[in-house]
């Protein structure tokens, strides 16, 4: 598998992570999965190591930044810790989402004990009603939403969409099994429909603004064609 490259300079490389690929394996885990991580795929592609600046869930596709040397990681990570980088995701969710909504709801941390503040801004982009029954209804409704998190908690967007009763399609943990099954049976797609579409930031070394965008994955293009959805690139 060849990883799409979005941007590259002396300090970083920005790539589009495929769905269902971990950024790196936790080798201390008992269950080491025999599949290539993003870091391994990039090593195979470039024959050199890269160093992740932030993370994406295994099932989330889209843009991720990696440093070319460990010494460059800290300054880029400050963009995330200081919330001076703007992250934009696209999601396909169950039902008709609100036109605009700020979801302010704490999310558990990695230790699953302490709740931490979490904030997500939602904007509705597209909707559709399908004459395909999904229990308990004789039709089904979906929305394309733009999600802009202001915090970066584990599974934040997936949890927040579930909390407002518009779970992401294809989410095996927080989603709706009936709607996930419908997408598999009718459109032959089983990925999580959450895509990190855009990053806006000021480059800490080049001292100029950047706006990096990714293309939609192929499974997304299938749904966009089926639903006759279009968005501005």
C-alpha atoms as a PDB file:
ATOM      1  CA  UNK A   1       0.000   0.000   0.000  1.00  0.00           C
ATOM      2  CA  UNK A   2       1.361   3.394  -1.018  1.00  0.00           C
ATOM      3  CA  UNK A   3       0.503   6.272   1.329  1.00  0.00           C
ATOM      4  CA  UNK A   4      -0.622   9.515  -0.416  1.00  0.00           C
ATOM      5  CA  UNK A   5       1.697  12.448   0.321  1.00  0.00           C
ATOM      6  CA  UNK A   6      -0.013  15.810   0.788  1.00  0.00           C
ATOM      7  CA  UNK A   7       2.923  18.056   1.648  1.00  0.00           C
ATOM      8  CA  UNK A   8       6.608  17.765   2.411  1.00  0.00           C
ATOM      9  CA  UNK A   9       9.420  20.100   3.456  1.00  0.00           C
ATOM     10  CA  UNK A  10      12.694  19.912   5.385  1.00  0.00           C
ATOM     11  CA  UNK A  11      10.892  19.501   8.706  1.00  0.00           C
ATOM     12  CA  UNK A  12       7.680  17.547   8.192  1.00  0.00           C
ATOM     13  CA  UNK A  13       5.707  15.337   5.896  1.00  0.00           C
ATOM     14  CA  UNK A  14       1.899  15.398   5.743  1.00  0.00           C
ATOM     15  CA  UNK A  15       0.216  12.220   4.545  1.00  0.00           C
ATOM     16  CA  UNK A  16      -3.315  10.884   4.165  1.00  0.00           C
ATOM     17  CA  UNK A  17      -3.720   7.917   6.506  1.00  0.00           C
ATOM     18  CA  UNK A  18      -5.958   5.165   5.134  1.00  0.00           C
ATOM     19  CA  UNK A  19      -8.866   3.837   7.148  1.00  0.00           C
ATOM     20  CA  UNK A  20      -8.160   0.875   9.440  1.00  0.00           C
ATOM     21  CA  UNK A  21      -4.419   1.524   9.716  1.00  0.00           C
ATOM     22  CA  UNK A  22      -2.799   2.189  13.102  1.00  0.00           C
ATOM     23  CA  UNK A  23      -0.242   4.995  13.276  1.00  0.00           C
ATOM     24  CA  UNK A  24       2.178   2.726  15.120  1.00  0.00           C
ATOM     25  CA  UNK A  25       1.977  -0.580  16.954  1.00  0.00           C
ATOM     26  CA  UNK A  26       2.194  -0.788  20.736  1.00  0.00           C
ATOM     27  CA  UNK A  27       4.832  -3.481  20.919  1.00  0.00           C
ATOM     28  CA  UNK A  28       4.449  -3.862  24.683  1.00  0.00           C
ATOM     29  CA  UNK A  29       0.943  -5.158  24.064  1.00  0.00           C
ATOM     30  CA  UNK A  30       0.275  -8.866  24.209  1.00  0.00           C
ATOM     31  CA  UNK A  31      -1.617  -8.685  20.937  1.00  0.00           C
ATOM     32  CA  UNK A  32       0.878  -7.424  18.382  1.00  0.00           C
ATOM     33  CA  UNK A  33      -1.008  -7.332  15.108  1.00  0.00           C
ATOM     34  CA  UNK A  34       0.832  -8.676  12.107  1.00  0.00           C
ATOM     35  CA  UNK A  35      -0.025  -5.842   9.765  1.00  0.00           C
ATOM     36  CA  UNK A  36       1.804  -2.758   8.624  1.00  0.00           C
ATOM     37  CA  UNK A  37       1.341   0.400  10.659  1.00  0.00           C
ATOM     38  CA  UNK A  38       1.429   3.831   9.021  1.00  0.00           C
ATOM     39  CA  UNK A  39       5.040   4.233  10.165  1.00  0.00           C
ATOM     40  CA  UNK A  40       5.963   0.877   8.620  1.00  0.00           C
ATOM     41  CA  UNK A  41       4.193   1.734   5.365  1.00  0.00           C
ATOM     42  CA  UNK A  42       6.114   5.020   5.182  1.00  0.00           C
ATOM     43  CA  UNK A  43       9.381   3.271   5.997  1.00  0.00           C
ATOM     44  CA  UNK A  44       8.705   0.806   3.177  1.00  0.00           C
ATOM     45  CA  UNK A  45       7.933   3.719   0.858  1.00  0.00           C
ATOM     46  CA  UNK A  46      10.854   6.013   1.750  1.00  0.00           C
ATOM     47  CA  UNK A  47      13.326   3.727   3.556  1.00  0.00           C
ATOM     48  CA  UNK A  48      13.530   6.195   6.441  1.00  0.00           C
ATOM     49  CA  UNK A  49      11.845   6.805   9.779  1.00  0.00           C
ATOM     50  CA  UNK A  50       9.238   9.463  10.515  1.00  0.00           C
ATOM     51  CA  UNK A  51       7.957  10.659  13.889  1.00  0.00           C
ATOM     52  CA  UNK A  52       4.221  11.260  14.487  1.00  0.00           C
ATOM     53  CA  UNK A  53       3.343  14.722  15.764  1.00  0.00           C
ATOM     54  CA  UNK A  54      -0.261  13.824  16.652  1.00  0.00           C
ATOM     55  CA  UNK A  55      -2.564  10.827  16.279  1.00  0.00           C
ATOM     56  CA  UNK A  56      -5.639   9.540  14.496  1.00  0.00           C
ATOM     57  CA  UNK A  57      -7.713   6.548  15.526  1.00  0.00           C
ATOM     58  CA  UNK A  58      -7.122   3.355  13.574  1.00  0.00           C
ATOM     59  CA  UNK A  59     -10.527   3.673  11.899  1.00  0.00           C
ATOM     60  CA  UNK A  60     -10.271   7.403  11.143  1.00  0.00           C
ATOM     61  CA  UNK A  61      -8.813   8.328   7.754  1.00  0.00           C
ATOM     62  CA  UNK A  62      -7.172  11.568   6.715  1.00  0.00           C
ATOM     63  CA  UNK A  63      -4.383  14.023   7.225  1.00  0.00           C
ATOM     64  CA  UNK A  64      -1.635  13.436   9.754  1.00  0.00           C
ATOM     65  CA  UNK A  65       1.662  15.279  10.306  1.00  0.00           C
ATOM     66  CA  UNK A  66       4.959  13.514  10.923  1.00  0.00           C
ATOM     67  CA  UNK A  67       8.362  15.045  11.658  1.00  0.00           C
ATOM     68  CA  UNK A  68      11.480  14.075   9.728  1.00  0.00           C
ATOM     69  CA  UNK A  69      13.667  14.338  12.843  1.00  0.00           C
ATOM     70  CA  UNK A  70      12.777  13.917  16.509  1.00  0.00           C
ATOM     71  CA  UNK A  71      14.100  17.401  17.260  1.00  0.00           C
ATOM     72  CA  UNK A  72      11.295  18.938  15.168  1.00  0.00           C
ATOM     73  CA  UNK A  73       8.439  17.177  16.979  1.00  0.00           C
ATOM     74  CA  UNK A  74       8.092  19.440  20.035  1.00  0.00           C
ATOM     75  CA  UNK A  75       7.455  22.728  18.221  1.00  0.00           C
ATOM     76  CA  UNK A  76       4.748  21.168  16.061  1.00  0.00           C
ATOM     77  CA  UNK A  77       3.156  19.456  19.047  1.00  0.00           C
ATOM     78  CA  UNK A  78       2.851  22.867  20.674  1.00  0.00           C
ATOM     79  CA  UNK A  79       0.389  23.800  17.918  1.00  0.00           C
ATOM     80  CA  UNK A  80      -1.913  21.088  19.236  1.00  0.00           C
ATOM     81  CA  UNK A  81      -1.354  21.594  22.957  1.00  0.00           C
ATOM     82  CA  UNK A  82      -1.815  25.369  22.602  1.00  0.00           C
ATOM     83  CA  UNK A  83      -4.846  24.878  20.333  1.00  0.00           C
ATOM     84  CA  UNK A  84      -3.334  27.059  17.589  1.00  0.00           C
ATOM     85  CA  UNK A  85      -3.986  24.521  14.852  1.00  0.00           C
ATOM     86  CA  UNK A  86      -7.438  24.258  13.264  1.00  0.00           C
ATOM     87  CA  UNK A  87      -8.644  20.720  12.548  1.00  0.00           C
ATOM     88  CA  UNK A  88     -11.576  20.034  10.237  1.00  0.00           C
ATOM     89  CA  UNK A  89     -13.190  16.607   9.900  1.00  0.00           C
ATOM     90  CA  UNK A  90     -16.025  15.307   7.758  1.00  0.00           C
ATOM     91  CA  UNK A  91     -18.481  12.767   9.081  1.00  0.00           C
ATOM     92  CA  UNK A  92     -21.545  10.907   7.835  1.00  0.00           C
ATOM     93  CA  UNK A  93     -24.053  10.442  10.632  1.00  0.00           C
ATOM     94  CA  UNK A  94     -27.449   8.897  11.287  1.00  0.00           C
ATOM     95  CA  UNK A  95     -30.447  11.204  11.037  1.00  0.00           C
ATOM     96  CA  UNK A  96     -30.762  14.901  10.262  1.00  0.00           C
ATOM     97  CA  UNK A  97     -28.106  16.735  12.257  1.00  0.00           C
ATOM     98  CA  UNK A  98     -28.685  20.320  13.452  1.00  0.00           C
ATOM     99  CA  UNK A  99     -27.597  23.157  11.171  1.00  0.00           C
ATOM    100  CA  UNK A 100     -25.072  24.290  13.775  1.00  0.00           C
ATOM    101  CA  UNK A 101     -24.223  23.031  17.220  1.00  0.00           C
ATOM    102  CA  UNK A 102     -21.481  23.337  19.809  1.00  0.00           C
ATOM    103  CA  UNK A 103     -21.092  20.092  21.739  1.00  0.00           C
ATOM    104  CA  UNK A 104     -19.595  20.824  25.135  1.00  0.00           C
ATOM    105  CA  UNK A 105     -19.412  17.512  26.963  1.00  0.00           C
ATOM    106  CA  UNK A 106     -16.548  15.958  28.953  1.00  0.00           C
ATOM    107  CA  UNK A 107     -14.902  12.815  27.587  1.00  0.00           C
ATOM    108  CA  UNK A 108     -13.031  10.158  29.557  1.00  0.00           C
ATOM    109  CA  UNK A 109      -9.267  10.197  29.257  1.00  0.00           C
ATOM    110  CA  UNK A 110      -7.093   7.275  28.237  1.00  0.00           C
ATOM    111  CA  UNK A 111      -7.225   5.866  31.774  1.00  0.00           C
ATOM    112  CA  UNK A 112     -11.058   5.679  31.463  1.00  0.00           C
ATOM    113  CA  UNK A 113     -11.457   7.170  34.937  1.00  0.00           C
ATOM    114  CA  UNK A 114     -11.056  10.929  34.670  1.00  0.00           C
ATOM    115  CA  UNK A 115     -13.390  12.996  32.485  1.00  0.00           C
ATOM    116  CA  UNK A 116     -11.781  15.899  30.658  1.00  0.00           C
ATOM    117  CA  UNK A 117     -13.301  18.953  29.019  1.00  0.00           C
ATOM    118  CA  UNK A 118     -14.125  18.396  25.338  1.00  0.00           C
ATOM    119  CA  UNK A 119     -15.565  20.820  22.800  1.00  0.00           C
ATOM    120  CA  UNK A 120     -16.681  20.187  19.200  1.00  0.00           C
ATOM    121  CA  UNK A 121     -18.255  22.580  16.697  1.00  0.00           C
ATOM    122  CA  UNK A 122     -20.653  21.037  14.163  1.00  0.00           C
ATOM    123  CA  UNK A 123     -21.950  22.413  10.863  1.00  0.00           C
ATOM    124  CA  UNK A 124     -24.451  20.618   8.626  1.00  0.00           C
ATOM    125  CA  UNK A 125     -23.406  20.299   4.961  1.00  0.00           C
ATOM    126  CA  UNK A 126     -25.832  17.842   3.293  1.00  0.00           C
ATOM    127  CA  UNK A 127     -28.800  15.599   4.093  1.00  0.00           C
ATOM    128  CA  UNK A 128     -30.632  12.747   2.368  1.00  0.00           C
ATOM    129  CA  UNK A 129     -33.685  10.536   2.887  1.00  0.00           C
ATOM    130  CA  UNK A 130     -33.439   7.026   1.427  1.00  0.00           C
ATOM    131  CA  UNK A 131     -36.300   4.639   0.679  1.00  0.00           C
ATOM    132  CA  UNK A 132     -34.329   1.932   2.431  1.00  0.00           C
ATOM    133  CA  UNK A 133     -35.875   0.666   5.667  1.00  0.00           C
ATOM    134  CA  UNK A 134     -33.756   0.520   8.796  1.00  0.00           C
ATOM    135  CA  UNK A 135     -35.499  -0.759  11.925  1.00  0.00           C
ATOM    136  CA  UNK A 136     -37.745   0.571  13.321  1.00  0.00           C
ATOM    137  CA  UNK A 137     -38.426   2.921  10.369  1.00  0.00           C
ATOM    138  CA  UNK A 138     -39.441   2.331   6.752  1.00  0.00           C
ATOM    139  CA  UNK A 139     -36.852   4.837   5.460  1.00  0.00           C
ATOM    140  CA  UNK A 140     -33.449   6.123   6.523  1.00  0.00           C
ATOM    141  CA  UNK A 141     -31.936   9.586   6.946  1.00  0.00           C
ATOM    142  CA  UNK A 142     -28.327  10.687   6.893  1.00  0.00           C
ATOM    143  CA  UNK A 143     -26.311  13.869   7.196  1.00  0.00           C
ATOM    144  CA  UNK A 144     -22.891  14.998   6.060  1.00  0.00           C
ATOM    145  CA  UNK A 145     -21.379  17.126   8.808  1.00  0.00           C
ATOM    146  CA  UNK A 146     -18.284  19.236   9.269  1.00  0.00           C
ATOM    147  CA  UNK A 147     -16.708  18.790  12.692  1.00  0.00           C
ATOM    148  CA  UNK A 148     -14.157  21.153  14.202  1.00  0.00           C
ATOM    149  CA  UNK A 149     -12.828  19.931  17.550  1.00  0.00           C
ATOM    150  CA  UNK A 150     -11.322  22.511  19.887  1.00  0.00           C
ATOM    151  CA  UNK A 151      -9.882  19.786  22.111  1.00  0.00           C
ATOM    152  CA  UNK A 152      -8.243  16.496  21.215  1.00  0.00           C
ATOM    153  CA  UNK A 153      -9.629  13.812  23.495  1.00  0.00           C
ATOM    154  CA  UNK A 154      -9.566  10.111  22.698  1.00  0.00           C
ATOM    155  CA  UNK A 155     -12.558   9.227  20.471  1.00  0.00           C
ATOM    156  CA  UNK A 156     -13.924  12.734  21.073  1.00  0.00           C
ATOM    157  CA  UNK A 157     -15.819  13.154  17.804  1.00  0.00           C
ATOM    158  CA  UNK A 158     -17.206   9.621  17.876  1.00  0.00           C
ATOM    159  CA  UNK A 159     -18.422  10.046  21.456  1.00  0.00           C
ATOM    160  CA  UNK A 160     -19.837  13.526  20.876  1.00  0.00           C
ATOM    161  CA  UNK A 161     -21.858  12.484  17.827  1.00  0.00           C
ATOM    162  CA  UNK A 162     -23.283   9.563  19.757  1.00  0.00           C
ATOM    163  CA  UNK A 163     -24.179  11.854  22.673  1.00  0.00           C
ATOM    164  CA  UNK A 164     -26.355  14.039  20.421  1.00  0.00           C
ATOM    165  CA  UNK A 165     -28.035  10.939  18.908  1.00  0.00           C
ATOM    166  CA  UNK A 166     -26.319  11.277  15.522  1.00  0.00           C
ATOM    167  CA  UNK A 167     -23.692   8.514  15.654  1.00  0.00           C
ATOM    168  CA  UNK A 168     -21.153   8.201  12.884  1.00  0.00           C
ATOM    169  CA  UNK A 169     -21.864   5.558  10.267  1.00  0.00           C
ATOM    170  CA  UNK A 170     -19.484   2.610  10.449  1.00  0.00           C
ATOM    171  CA  UNK A 171     -18.552   3.196  14.087  1.00  0.00           C
ATOM    172  CA  UNK A 172     -18.374  -0.264  15.701  1.00  0.00           C
ATOM    173  CA  UNK A 173     -18.161   1.067  19.258  1.00  0.00           C
ATOM    174  CA  UNK A 174     -20.369   4.157  19.460  1.00  0.00           C
ATOM    175  CA  UNK A 175     -22.464   3.723  16.319  1.00  0.00           C
ATOM    176  CA  UNK A 176     -25.803   2.183  15.315  1.00  0.00           C
ATOM    177  CA  UNK A 177     -25.420  -1.444  14.277  1.00  0.00           C
ATOM    178  CA  UNK A 178     -28.555  -1.423  12.092  1.00  0.00           C
ATOM    179  CA  UNK A 179     -27.396   1.558  10.026  1.00  0.00           C
ATOM    180  CA  UNK A 180     -23.844   0.220   9.789  1.00  0.00           C
ATOM    181  CA  UNK A 181     -25.253  -3.043   8.426  1.00  0.00           C
ATOM    182  CA  UNK A 182     -27.415  -1.173   5.910  1.00  0.00           C
ATOM    183  CA  UNK A 183     -24.351   0.567   4.452  1.00  0.00           C
ATOM    184  CA  UNK A 184     -22.560  -2.770   4.124  1.00  0.00           C
ATOM    185  CA  UNK A 185     -25.515  -4.555   2.526  1.00  0.00           C
ATOM    186  CA  UNK A 186     -26.557  -1.768   0.142  1.00  0.00           C
ATOM    187  CA  UNK A 187     -23.302   0.022  -0.690  1.00  0.00           C
ATOM    188  CA  UNK A 188     -20.608  -2.559   0.214  1.00  0.00           C
ATOM    189  CA  UNK A 189     -18.771  -0.117   2.484  1.00  0.00           C
ATOM    190  CA  UNK A 190     -17.870  -0.926   6.077  1.00  0.00           C
ATOM    191  CA  UNK A 191     -15.430   1.818   7.062  1.00  0.00           C
ATOM    192  CA  UNK A 192     -15.924   4.437   9.757  1.00  0.00           C
ATOM    193  CA  UNK A 193     -17.155   7.588   8.021  1.00  0.00           C
ATOM    194  CA  UNK A 194     -14.892  10.023   9.844  1.00  0.00           C
ATOM    195  CA  UNK A 195     -12.213  11.749   7.763  1.00  0.00           C
ATOM    196  CA  UNK A 196      -9.620  14.317   8.871  1.00  0.00           C
ATOM    197  CA  UNK A 197     -10.042  16.654   5.905  1.00  0.00           C
ATOM    198  CA  UNK A 198      -8.023  19.790   6.711  1.00  0.00           C
ATOM    199  CA  UNK A 199      -5.323  21.271   8.936  1.00  0.00           C
ATOM    200  CA  UNK A 200      -4.658  25.001   9.188  1.00  0.00           C
ATOM    201  CA  UNK A 201      -1.597  26.203  11.089  1.00  0.00           C
ATOM    202  CA  UNK A 202       1.364  28.554  11.132  1.00  0.00           C
ATOM    203  CA  UNK A 203       4.553  26.633  10.402  1.00  0.00           C
ATOM    204  CA  UNK A 204       6.808  27.103  13.452  1.00  0.00           C
ATOM    205  CA  UNK A 205      10.008  26.928  11.391  1.00  0.00           C
ATOM    206  CA  UNK A 206       8.989  28.513   8.075  1.00  0.00           C
ATOM    207  CA  UNK A 207       6.870  31.118   9.894  1.00  0.00           C
ATOM    208  CA  UNK A 208       4.080  31.159   7.323  1.00  0.00           C
ATOM    209  CA  UNK A 209       0.460  29.947   7.272  1.00  0.00           C
ATOM    210  CA  UNK A 210      -0.488  26.597   5.772  1.00  0.00           C
ATOM    211  CA  UNK A 211      -3.828  25.069   4.861  1.00  0.00           C
ATOM    212  CA  UNK A 212      -3.455  21.386   3.981  1.00  0.00           C
ATOM    213  CA  UNK A 213      -6.315  19.330   2.540  1.00  0.00           C
ATOM    214  CA  UNK A 214      -6.852  15.666   1.718  1.00  0.00           C
ATOM    215  CA  UNK A 215      -9.008  13.994  -0.895  1.00  0.00           C
ATOM    216  CA  UNK A 216     -11.881  11.794   0.175  1.00  0.00           C
ATOM    217  CA  UNK A 217     -11.164   8.044   0.338  1.00  0.00           C
ATOM    218  CA  UNK A 218     -12.701   5.763  -2.295  1.00  0.00           C
ATOM    219  CA  UNK A 219     -15.459   4.469   0.018  1.00  0.00           C
ATOM    220  CA  UNK A 220     -16.545   8.053   0.597  1.00  0.00           C
ATOM    221  CA  UNK A 221     -16.648   8.701  -3.138  1.00  0.00           C
ATOM    222  CA  UNK A 222     -18.978   5.707  -3.535  1.00  0.00           C
ATOM    223  CA  UNK A 223     -21.426   7.200  -1.029  1.00  0.00           C
ATOM    224  CA  UNK A 224     -21.154  10.713  -2.469  1.00  0.00           C
ATOM    225  CA  UNK A 225     -22.051   9.324  -5.883  1.00  0.00           C
ATOM    226  CA  UNK A 226     -24.955   7.275  -4.491  1.00  0.00           C
ATOM    227  CA  UNK A 227     -26.292  10.253  -2.508  1.00  0.00           C
ATOM    228  CA  UNK A 228     -25.466  12.887  -5.161  1.00  0.00           C
ATOM    229  CA  UNK A 229     -23.531  14.868  -2.570  1.00  0.00           C
ATOM    230  CA  UNK A 230     -20.929  17.473  -3.419  1.00  0.00           C
ATOM    231  CA  UNK A 231     -18.733  19.674  -1.261  1.00  0.00           C
ATOM    232  CA  UNK A 232     -16.205  22.388  -1.988  1.00  0.00           C
ATOM    233  CA  UNK A 233     -12.647  21.071  -1.961  1.00  0.00           C
END
